[in-house]
Amino acid sequence: MIKLNALSLIFVAVYLFQFLFSLWLERLNRDHLQHSANEVPTPFRGFIDQETLARINAYSVDKSRFSSLRKTTMDLTLLMIIITALLPMADSYSVNPEIHYIWAGLIFFVSVGIVLFIMELPFDYYDTFIIEEKYGFNKSDLKTWAADNLKSELLSIIFLICVMAPLLWTIQLSPNYWWLWSFIIVAVIQFAVVVIYPVLIAPLFNKFEPLEDLDLVHEVETLVKSVGMKNGGIFKMDAGTRSTHSNAYFTGFGKTKRIVLFDTLIERHSHNEILAVLAHELGHFRLKHVLKFFAAAQFAMLVGLYGTHLILNWELLYWTFQLQPSQSYIALFLICIFWLKSGFFIKPFYAGWSRRFEKQADSFAVRVQQNPQPLALALKKMGAHNLSNLTPHPFYAWFYYSHPPLPERVALLEDQVYR
């Protein structure tokens, strides 16, 4: 067992408070949906009926309940492992002189990752084949699901090794400045992933084919040129082989930049609606939202690494959690858990910033098309088909939502508030 002192009490208190607060938020939103969200929002009246709203709310409630069950199982299991000091006891590599510190650390992190992956599998299966199947979204079969999960885990392990190996190396090489070197290395790796994702990673999961609709290709190319951006290619993704959810996105950087349209989006939307969605995404690039978020994430990572550096060699940390001096990688893991739990409470600031950017991107799309209706109609269709929650609890939306609730966005568009 870990030692009972101020440090362990703070760690457990923050961990449990985050856990209980997130469950309370889910419960708050579910109660709101079940008892107070019985009227179709004004912007969607005449577009969806009461029966569809009930189906949307039921889907949101089912997803929320399952999310709470998943979180309860995973969080409490991990907390018990930490409290019982099972991590240092299970780690036999740190005391083996034949195994290098870096290899011992990599084995530890990969082992933890594999255990968490195995624990998550039943939940992912239930989510895909029970909940998503129940509401008509799932199109995947067991073979595809298993292959996707296996590929995701292998990629996660590769990425974990690419990040942790240099990080552990710099901790040994430069005890006073490892945090700075690690920041530079990880930032380079992250940028490399952004560049290679469209051409090496995404094709492992989906097929990407050049868009066959030449008229739509011409319209997209015209749109991209009109906002002063270069187009690296327009591709259709076979999203419909796994799910009926629809979307579109930009990905890559430089020569790997490309526009990706879900086949489900193409099937359900007119050209004008698709162009409106793309214009919104173009707005994020033109207004440098992506760059600003990336810069903010890098700053947060730098601060986090420096803070980790300040406490990584703290003797009380090792004594409290029953760690040996050679098990600094376990200390690193515990510090990361603490940052994740405490960092949860800055979500509203990120969410509010993101919602502001989404409104600016909507405004950009309206200016480009000189008509708010295509985007408003596209949002209505996607919201209705994806069973997006139209009536979240205001506090829940304020805390979590990176986009304004759909009724708010549609109302602003239809009232032509944007100039």
Protein backbone atom coordinates (compact mmCIF):
# COMPACT_ATOMS: atom_id res chain seq x y z
CA MET A 1 0.00 0.00 0.00
CA ILE A 2 1.10 3.58 -0.57
CA LYS A 3 1.97 5.69 2.46
CA LEU A 4 -0.77 7.81 4.00
CA ASN A 5 0.41 11.41 4.03
CA ALA A 6 -0.43 14.82 2.61
CA LEU A 7 0.89 13.92 -0.86
CA SER A 8 -1.10 10.70 -1.20
CA LEU A 9 -4.24 12.41 0.18
CA ILE A 10 -3.93 15.23 -2.37
CA PHE A 11 -3.37 12.75 -5.20
CA VAL A 12 -6.36 10.58 -4.26
CA ALA A 13 -8.54 13.62 -3.53
CA VAL A 14 -7.89 15.18 -6.96
CA TYR A 15 -8.34 11.80 -8.66
CA LEU A 16 -11.66 11.06 -6.95
CA PHE A 17 -12.98 14.61 -7.26
CA GLN A 18 -12.37 14.59 -11.02
CA PHE A 19 -13.97 11.15 -11.26
CA LEU A 20 -17.06 12.07 -9.23
CA PHE A 21 -17.43 15.49 -10.84
CA SER A 22 -17.40 14.00 -14.35
CA LEU A 23 -20.03 11.42 -13.30
CA TRP A 24 -22.14 14.22 -11.82
CA LEU A 25 -21.92 16.15 -15.09
CA GLU A 26 -23.15 13.11 -17.02
CA ARG A 27 -25.98 12.59 -14.55
CA LEU A 28 -26.93 16.27 -14.75
CA ASN A 29 -27.15 16.09 -18.51
CA ARG A 30 -29.12 12.81 -18.49
CA ASP A 31 -31.67 14.15 -16.01
CA HIS A 32 -32.07 17.25 -18.13
CA LEU A 33 -32.66 15.19 -21.26
CA GLN A 34 -35.15 12.87 -19.56
CA HIS A 35 -37.19 15.45 -17.69
CA SER A 36 -36.68 18.92 -19.18
CA ALA A 37 -35.76 18.55 -22.85
CA ASN A 38 -39.10 17.51 -24.31
CA GLU A 39 -39.65 20.32 -26.83
CA VAL A 40 -38.07 20.51 -30.26
CA PRO A 41 -35.74 23.56 -30.34
CA THR A 42 -37.14 26.41 -32.43
CA PRO A 43 -34.59 26.19 -35.29
CA PHE A 44 -35.45 22.48 -35.76
CA ARG A 45 -39.25 22.78 -35.63
CA GLY A 46 -40.72 21.45 -38.82
CA PHE A 47 -37.45 19.67 -39.58
CA ILE A 48 -37.63 16.97 -36.92
CA ASP A 49 -40.67 15.74 -35.02
CA GLN A 50 -41.25 14.81 -31.41
CA GLU A 51 -40.52 11.16 -32.08
CA THR A 52 -37.11 11.98 -33.57
CA LEU A 53 -36.28 14.23 -30.62
CA ALA A 54 -37.15 11.38 -28.25
CA ARG A 55 -34.85 9.09 -30.23
CA ILE A 56 -32.04 11.68 -30.09
CA ASN A 57 -32.45 12.04 -26.34
CA ALA A 58 -32.56 8.26 -25.85
CA TYR A 59 -29.33 7.85 -27.83
CA SER A 60 -27.63 10.59 -25.81
CA VAL A 61 -28.80 9.02 -22.54
CA ASP A 62 -27.63 5.54 -23.55
CA LYS A 63 -24.23 6.87 -24.60
CA SER A 64 -23.91 8.85 -21.36
CA ARG A 65 -24.84 5.93 -19.11
CA PHE A 66 -22.40 3.68 -20.90
CA SER A 67 -19.67 6.32 -20.74
CA SER A 68 -20.19 6.59 -16.98
CA LEU A 69 -19.98 2.82 -16.56
CA ARG A 70 -16.83 2.70 -18.66
CA LYS A 71 -15.23 5.53 -16.72
CA THR A 72 -16.17 4.04 -13.36
CA THR A 73 -14.63 0.68 -14.23
CA MET A 74 -11.42 2.07 -15.73
CA ASP A 75 -10.83 4.86 -13.20
CA LEU A 76 -11.49 2.84 -10.08
CA THR A 77 -9.43 -0.10 -11.32
CA LEU A 78 -6.47 2.17 -12.05
CA LEU A 79 -6.83 3.92 -8.69
CA MET A 80 -6.81 0.60 -6.84
CA ILE A 81 -3.69 -0.45 -8.72
CA ILE A 82 -1.99 2.79 -7.68
CA ILE A 83 -3.15 2.70 -4.05
CA THR A 84 -2.05 -0.90 -3.55
CA ALA A 85 1.38 -0.07 -5.02
CA LEU A 86 0.89 -2.84 -7.57
CA LEU A 87 2.82 -0.93 -10.24
CA PRO A 88 6.22 -0.96 -8.50
CA MET A 89 5.64 -4.50 -7.23
CA ALA A 90 4.87 -5.79 -10.72
CA ASP A 91 7.88 -3.99 -12.19
CA SER A 92 10.76 -6.45 -11.95
CA TYR A 93 12.87 -4.90 -14.71
CA SER A 94 14.14 -1.91 -12.72
CA VAL A 95 16.08 -4.17 -10.33
CA ASN A 96 17.58 -6.28 -13.12
CA PRO A 97 21.08 -4.93 -13.86
CA GLU A 98 21.06 -6.64 -17.25
CA ILE A 99 18.16 -4.50 -18.47
CA HIS A 100 18.92 -0.90 -19.38
CA TYR A 101 16.86 1.87 -17.77
CA ILE A 102 15.34 2.90 -21.10
CA TRP A 103 14.30 -0.67 -21.95
CA ALA A 104 12.82 -1.14 -18.48
CA GLY A 105 10.82 2.08 -18.90
CA LEU A 106 9.58 1.11 -22.36
CA ILE A 107 8.53 -2.34 -21.14
CA PHE A 108 6.62 -0.71 -18.29
CA PHE A 109 4.75 1.80 -20.47
CA VAL A 110 3.98 -0.70 -23.22
CA SER A 111 2.76 -3.24 -20.64
CA VAL A 112 0.45 -0.67 -19.05
CA GLY A 113 -0.82 0.32 -22.50
CA ILE A 114 -1.59 -3.29 -23.41
CA VAL A 115 -3.41 -3.94 -20.13
CA LEU A 116 -5.55 -0.82 -20.57
CA PHE A 117 -6.24 -1.81 -24.19
CA ILE A 118 -7.47 -5.25 -23.11
CA MET A 119 -9.67 -3.69 -20.43
CA GLU A 120 -11.16 -1.29 -22.97
CA LEU A 121 -12.00 -3.96 -25.57
CA PRO A 122 -15.28 -5.20 -24.03
CA PHE A 123 -16.50 -1.63 -23.69
CA ASP A 124 -15.58 -0.79 -27.28
CA TYR A 125 -17.34 -3.95 -28.46
CA TYR A 126 -20.51 -3.05 -26.55
CA ASP A 127 -20.45 0.51 -27.82
CA THR A 128 -20.06 -0.61 -31.43
CA PHE A 129 -22.25 -3.70 -31.63
CA ILE A 130 -24.92 -2.89 -29.05
CA ILE A 131 -25.45 0.86 -28.76
CA GLU A 132 -24.40 1.96 -32.26
CA GLU A 133 -26.16 -1.09 -33.72
CA LYS A 134 -29.33 -0.30 -31.77
CA TYR A 135 -29.58 3.14 -33.35
CA GLY A 136 -28.66 2.02 -36.86
CA PHE A 137 -25.16 3.51 -37.05
CA ASN A 138 -22.90 0.46 -37.01
CA LYS A 139 -21.94 -1.05 -40.37
CA SER A 140 -18.81 -2.81 -39.18
CA ASP A 141 -18.46 -6.57 -38.71
CA LEU A 142 -16.47 -8.41 -36.07
CA LYS A 143 -13.48 -8.99 -38.35
CA THR A 144 -13.19 -5.31 -39.30
CA TRP A 145 -13.68 -4.21 -35.71
CA ALA A 146 -10.98 -6.58 -34.44
CA ALA A 147 -8.56 -5.55 -37.20
CA ASP A 148 -9.13 -1.84 -36.54
CA ASN A 149 -8.52 -2.28 -32.82
CA LEU A 150 -5.38 -4.33 -33.38
CA LYS A 151 -3.97 -1.80 -35.84
CA SER A 152 -4.83 1.06 -33.50
CA GLU A 153 -3.04 -0.62 -30.61
CA LEU A 154 0.06 -1.41 -32.69
CA LEU A 155 0.21 2.19 -33.87
CA SER A 156 -0.24 3.39 -30.29
CA ILE A 157 2.66 1.21 -29.17
CA ILE A 158 4.87 2.50 -31.98
CA PHE A 159 4.00 6.10 -31.15
CA LEU A 160 4.51 5.44 -27.43
CA ILE A 161 7.98 4.02 -28.07
CA CYS A 162 8.88 6.90 -30.39
CA VAL A 163 7.93 9.38 -27.67
CA MET A 164 9.06 7.61 -24.50
CA ALA A 165 12.43 6.32 -25.74
CA PRO A 166 13.92 9.79 -26.38
CA LEU A 167 12.18 11.16 -23.27
CA LEU A 168 13.74 8.51 -21.01
CA TRP A 169 17.05 8.95 -22.80
CA THR A 170 17.09 12.70 -22.18
CA ILE A 171 16.19 12.16 -18.49
CA GLN A 172 19.40 10.15 -18.15
CA LEU A 173 21.52 12.29 -20.44
CA SER A 174 20.52 15.73 -19.15
CA PRO A 175 18.83 15.59 -15.71
CA ASN A 176 18.49 19.38 -15.50
CA TYR A 177 17.26 20.12 -19.02
CA TRP A 178 15.59 16.90 -20.14
CA TRP A 179 12.22 18.64 -20.11
CA LEU A 180 13.36 21.11 -22.79
CA TRP A 181 14.98 18.46 -25.00
CA SER A 182 11.93 16.22 -24.61
CA PHE A 183 9.66 19.07 -25.60
CA ILE A 184 11.62 19.65 -28.81
CA ILE A 185 11.72 15.94 -29.66
CA VAL A 186 8.02 15.33 -28.97
CA ALA A 187 6.99 18.46 -30.90
CA VAL A 188 8.96 17.22 -33.92
CA ILE A 189 7.35 13.78 -33.64
CA GLN A 190 3.87 15.31 -33.41
CA PHE A 191 4.51 17.43 -36.49
CA ALA A 192 5.81 14.38 -38.37
CA VAL A 193 2.63 12.47 -37.50
CA VAL A 194 0.51 15.32 -38.88
CA VAL A 195 2.47 15.17 -42.15
CA ILE A 196 2.39 11.39 -42.62
CA TYR A 197 -1.10 10.72 -41.27
CA PRO A 198 -3.02 11.17 -44.55
CA VAL A 199 -0.66 9.03 -46.64
CA LEU A 200 0.55 6.34 -44.22
CA ILE A 201 -1.79 6.04 -41.22
CA ALA A 202 -5.34 6.86 -42.36
CA PRO A 203 -5.19 4.40 -45.32
CA LEU A 204 -4.62 1.57 -42.83
CA PHE A 205 -8.23 1.98 -41.71
CA ASN A 206 -10.16 3.35 -44.68
CA LYS A 207 -10.02 3.51 -48.45
CA PHE A 208 -9.45 6.92 -49.98
CA GLU A 209 -10.38 7.40 -53.60
CA PRO A 210 -10.38 10.47 -55.84
CA LEU A 211 -13.80 12.08 -55.95
CA GLU A 212 -15.79 10.75 -58.91
CA ASP A 213 -18.26 13.63 -59.15
CA LEU A 214 -16.34 15.95 -61.48
CA ASP A 215 -18.81 18.79 -61.02
CA LEU A 216 -18.30 18.66 -57.26
CA VAL A 217 -14.53 18.45 -57.76
CA HIS A 218 -14.61 21.61 -59.85
CA GLU A 219 -16.78 23.42 -57.30
CA VAL A 220 -14.49 22.42 -54.43
CA GLU A 221 -11.39 23.50 -56.34
CA THR A 222 -13.03 26.83 -57.11
CA LEU A 223 -13.93 27.27 -53.44
CA VAL A 224 -10.40 26.48 -52.27
CA LYS A 225 -8.84 28.88 -54.78
CA SER A 226 -11.30 31.62 -53.85
CA VAL A 227 -9.96 31.69 -50.29
CA GLY A 228 -6.33 31.62 -51.39
CA MET A 229 -5.46 28.07 -50.39
CA LYS A 230 -3.77 25.26 -52.28
CA ASN A 231 -5.57 21.98 -52.75
CA GLY A 232 -3.54 18.80 -52.31
CA GLY A 233 -6.36 16.56 -53.50
CA ILE A 234 -10.02 15.77 -52.90
CA PHE A 235 -10.78 12.28 -51.66
CA LYS A 236 -13.84 10.23 -50.77
CA MET A 237 -13.48 8.02 -47.69
CA ASP A 238 -15.44 4.78 -47.33
CA ALA A 239 -16.80 5.75 -43.90
CA GLY A 240 -20.05 3.92 -44.69
CA THR A 241 -18.33 0.54 -44.33
CA ARG A 242 -18.07 1.13 -40.58
CA SER A 243 -20.68 3.70 -39.62
CA THR A 244 -23.44 5.83 -41.10
CA HIS A 245 -22.20 8.95 -39.29
CA SER A 246 -21.15 11.65 -41.76
CA ASN A 247 -18.50 14.35 -41.78
CA ALA A 248 -15.72 16.03 -43.76
CA TYR A 249 -12.27 17.23 -42.78
CA PHE A 250 -8.95 18.67 -43.90
CA THR A 251 -5.81 16.81 -42.98
CA GLY A 252 -2.07 16.80 -43.56
CA PHE A 253 0.45 19.52 -44.09
CA GLY A 254 2.25 20.84 -47.17
CA LYS A 255 2.25 18.27 -49.96
CA THR A 256 0.23 15.81 -47.87
CA LYS A 257 -2.63 18.26 -47.27
CA ARG A 258 -5.91 16.92 -48.59
CA ILE A 259 -9.67 17.32 -48.38
CA VAL A 260 -11.58 14.24 -47.23
CA LEU A 261 -15.33 13.77 -47.67
CA PHE A 262 -17.17 10.88 -46.03
CA ASP A 263 -19.11 8.89 -48.61
CA THR A 264 -22.10 9.20 -46.25
CA LEU A 265 -21.84 13.00 -46.46
CA ILE A 266 -21.81 12.92 -50.28
CA GLU A 267 -24.86 10.65 -50.36
CA ARG A 268 -27.04 12.82 -48.12
CA HIS A 269 -26.13 16.39 -48.95
CA SER A 270 -26.38 18.70 -51.94
CA HIS A 271 -23.30 20.28 -53.48
CA ASN A 272 -24.05 23.61 -51.82
CA GLU A 273 -24.32 21.98 -48.41
CA ILE A 274 -21.05 20.10 -48.89
CA LEU A 275 -19.34 23.30 -50.01
CA ALA A 276 -20.71 25.09 -46.95
CA VAL A 277 -19.23 22.43 -44.64
CA LEU A 278 -15.89 22.68 -46.45
CA ALA A 279 -16.00 26.48 -46.31
CA HIS A 280 -16.39 26.21 -42.55
CA GLU A 281 -13.31 23.95 -42.34
CA LEU A 282 -11.40 26.29 -44.65
CA GLY A 283 -12.25 29.08 -42.25
CA HIS A 284 -10.34 27.30 -39.49
CA PHE A 285 -7.24 27.24 -41.69
CA ARG A 286 -7.57 30.77 -43.04
CA LEU A 287 -8.20 32.20 -39.57
CA LYS A 288 -5.23 30.21 -38.23
CA HIS A 289 -7.33 28.37 -35.66
CA VAL A 290 -5.43 25.13 -36.24
CA LEU A 291 -2.09 26.89 -35.76
CA LYS A 292 -3.31 28.65 -32.60
CA PHE A 293 -4.55 25.40 -31.07
CA PHE A 294 -1.29 23.67 -31.97
CA ALA A 295 0.74 26.48 -30.40
CA ALA A 296 -1.41 26.40 -27.25
CA ALA A 297 -1.00 22.62 -27.01
CA GLN A 298 2.76 22.94 -27.35
CA PHE A 299 2.88 25.62 -24.65
CA ALA A 300 0.81 23.43 -22.33
CA MET A 301 3.13 20.50 -23.03
CA LEU A 302 6.19 22.63 -22.26
CA VAL A 303 4.70 23.82 -18.97
CA GLY A 304 3.69 20.27 -18.09
CA LEU A 305 7.13 18.87 -18.82
CA TYR A 306 8.81 21.58 -16.77
CA GLY A 307 6.42 20.97 -13.88
CA THR A 308 7.15 17.25 -14.14
CA HIS A 309 10.88 17.99 -14.05
CA LEU A 310 10.46 19.93 -10.80
CA ILE A 311 8.89 17.01 -8.94
CA LEU A 312 10.26 13.95 -10.74
CA ASN A 313 13.18 13.57 -8.31
CA TRP A 314 11.20 14.49 -5.21
CA GLU A 315 12.09 11.90 -2.56
CA LEU A 316 8.67 12.14 -0.89
CA LEU A 317 7.05 11.05 -4.17
CA TYR A 318 9.09 7.84 -4.23
CA TRP A 319 8.58 7.10 -0.55
CA THR A 320 4.83 7.74 -0.73
CA PHE A 321 4.19 5.49 -3.72
CA GLN A 322 6.69 2.81 -2.69
CA LEU A 323 9.04 3.41 -5.63
CA GLN A 324 12.72 2.63 -5.98
CA PRO A 325 15.05 5.38 -7.30
CA SER A 326 15.48 3.29 -10.47
CA GLN A 327 11.71 3.42 -11.07
CA SER A 328 11.55 7.06 -12.12
CA TYR A 329 9.50 6.05 -15.17
CA ILE A 330 6.72 4.89 -12.81
CA ALA A 331 6.97 8.26 -11.05
CA LEU A 332 6.65 9.84 -14.49
CA PHE A 333 3.50 7.80 -15.14
CA LEU A 334 1.94 8.83 -11.82
CA ILE A 335 2.72 12.49 -12.45
CA CYS A 336 1.07 12.24 -15.88
CA ILE A 337 -2.04 10.75 -14.25
CA PHE A 338 -2.14 13.68 -11.83
CA TRP A 339 -1.78 16.22 -14.65
CA LEU A 340 -4.59 14.54 -16.59
CA LYS A 341 -6.94 14.59 -13.62
CA SER A 342 -6.20 18.14 -12.52
CA GLY A 343 -6.08 19.38 -16.13
CA PHE A 344 -9.65 18.19 -16.59
CA PHE A 345 -10.84 21.36 -14.87
CA ILE A 346 -9.42 23.67 -17.52
CA LYS A 347 -11.67 22.05 -20.13
CA PRO A 348 -14.20 24.93 -20.01
CA PHE A 349 -11.51 27.41 -21.04
CA TYR A 350 -10.47 25.28 -24.01
CA ALA A 351 -14.11 24.60 -24.88
CA GLY A 352 -15.02 28.28 -24.75
CA TRP A 353 -12.07 29.19 -26.94
CA SER A 354 -13.04 26.46 -29.40
CA ARG A 355 -16.69 27.55 -29.53
CA ARG A 356 -15.53 31.07 -30.37
CA PHE A 357 -13.46 29.69 -33.24
CA GLU A 358 -16.40 27.62 -34.49
CA LYS A 359 -18.58 30.72 -34.67
CA GLN A 360 -15.84 32.55 -36.57
CA ALA A 361 -15.56 29.63 -39.01
CA ASP A 362 -19.34 29.67 -39.51
CA SER A 363 -19.14 33.39 -40.22
CA PHE A 364 -16.32 32.77 -42.68
CA ALA A 365 -18.39 30.15 -44.52
CA VAL A 366 -21.33 32.54 -44.79
CA ARG A 367 -19.11 35.30 -46.21
CA VAL A 368 -17.60 32.93 -48.77
CA GLN A 369 -20.96 31.59 -49.94
CA GLN A 370 -22.81 34.87 -49.32
CA ASN A 371 -25.68 32.75 -48.05
CA PRO A 372 -26.20 31.24 -44.59
CA GLN A 373 -28.83 28.72 -45.64
CA PRO A 374 -26.63 25.91 -47.09
CA LEU A 375 -24.59 25.61 -43.89
CA ALA A 376 -27.70 25.87 -41.70
CA LEU A 377 -29.39 23.10 -43.69
CA ALA A 378 -26.24 20.94 -43.65
CA LEU A 379 -26.01 21.28 -39.86
CA LYS A 380 -29.67 20.36 -39.48
CA LYS A 381 -29.28 17.26 -41.62
CA MET A 382 -26.10 16.11 -39.91
CA GLY A 383 -27.55 16.79 -36.46
CA ALA A 384 -30.73 14.87 -37.21
CA HIS A 385 -28.99 11.93 -38.87
CA ASN A 386 -26.16 11.68 -36.32
CA LEU A 387 -28.69 11.98 -33.47
CA SER A 388 -26.69 14.88 -32.05
CA ASN A 389 -27.92 16.14 -28.69
CA LEU A 390 -30.02 19.22 -29.47
CA THR A 391 -30.89 20.06 -25.88
CA PRO A 392 -27.86 19.56 -23.61
CA HIS A 393 -27.87 20.98 -20.11
CA PRO A 394 -26.39 24.50 -20.37
CA PHE A 395 -23.68 23.83 -17.76
CA TYR A 396 -22.75 20.53 -19.41
CA ALA A 397 -22.44 22.25 -22.78
CA TRP A 398 -20.42 25.11 -21.25
CA PHE A 399 -18.01 22.67 -19.64
CA TYR A 400 -17.53 20.17 -22.47
CA TYR A 401 -18.77 21.40 -25.84
CA SER A 402 -16.09 22.45 -28.33
CA HIS A 403 -18.91 23.54 -30.69
CA PRO A 404 -21.93 25.66 -29.79
CA PRO A 405 -25.06 23.51 -29.41
CA LEU A 406 -26.60 22.96 -32.83
CA PRO A 407 -29.80 24.97 -32.22
CA GLU A 408 -27.67 27.99 -31.30
CA ARG A 409 -25.52 27.67 -34.43
CA VAL A 410 -28.49 27.18 -36.73
CA ALA A 411 -30.42 30.06 -35.15
CA LEU A 412 -27.48 32.42 -35.67
CA LEU A 413 -27.14 31.33 -39.28
CA GLU A 414 -30.84 31.57 -40.11
CA ASP A 415 -31.16 34.95 -38.43
CA GLN A 416 -28.12 36.04 -40.50
CA VAL A 417 -26.44 37.50 -37.44
CA TYR A 418 -23.04 37.05 -39.07
CA ARG A 419 -21.82 39.77 -41.39
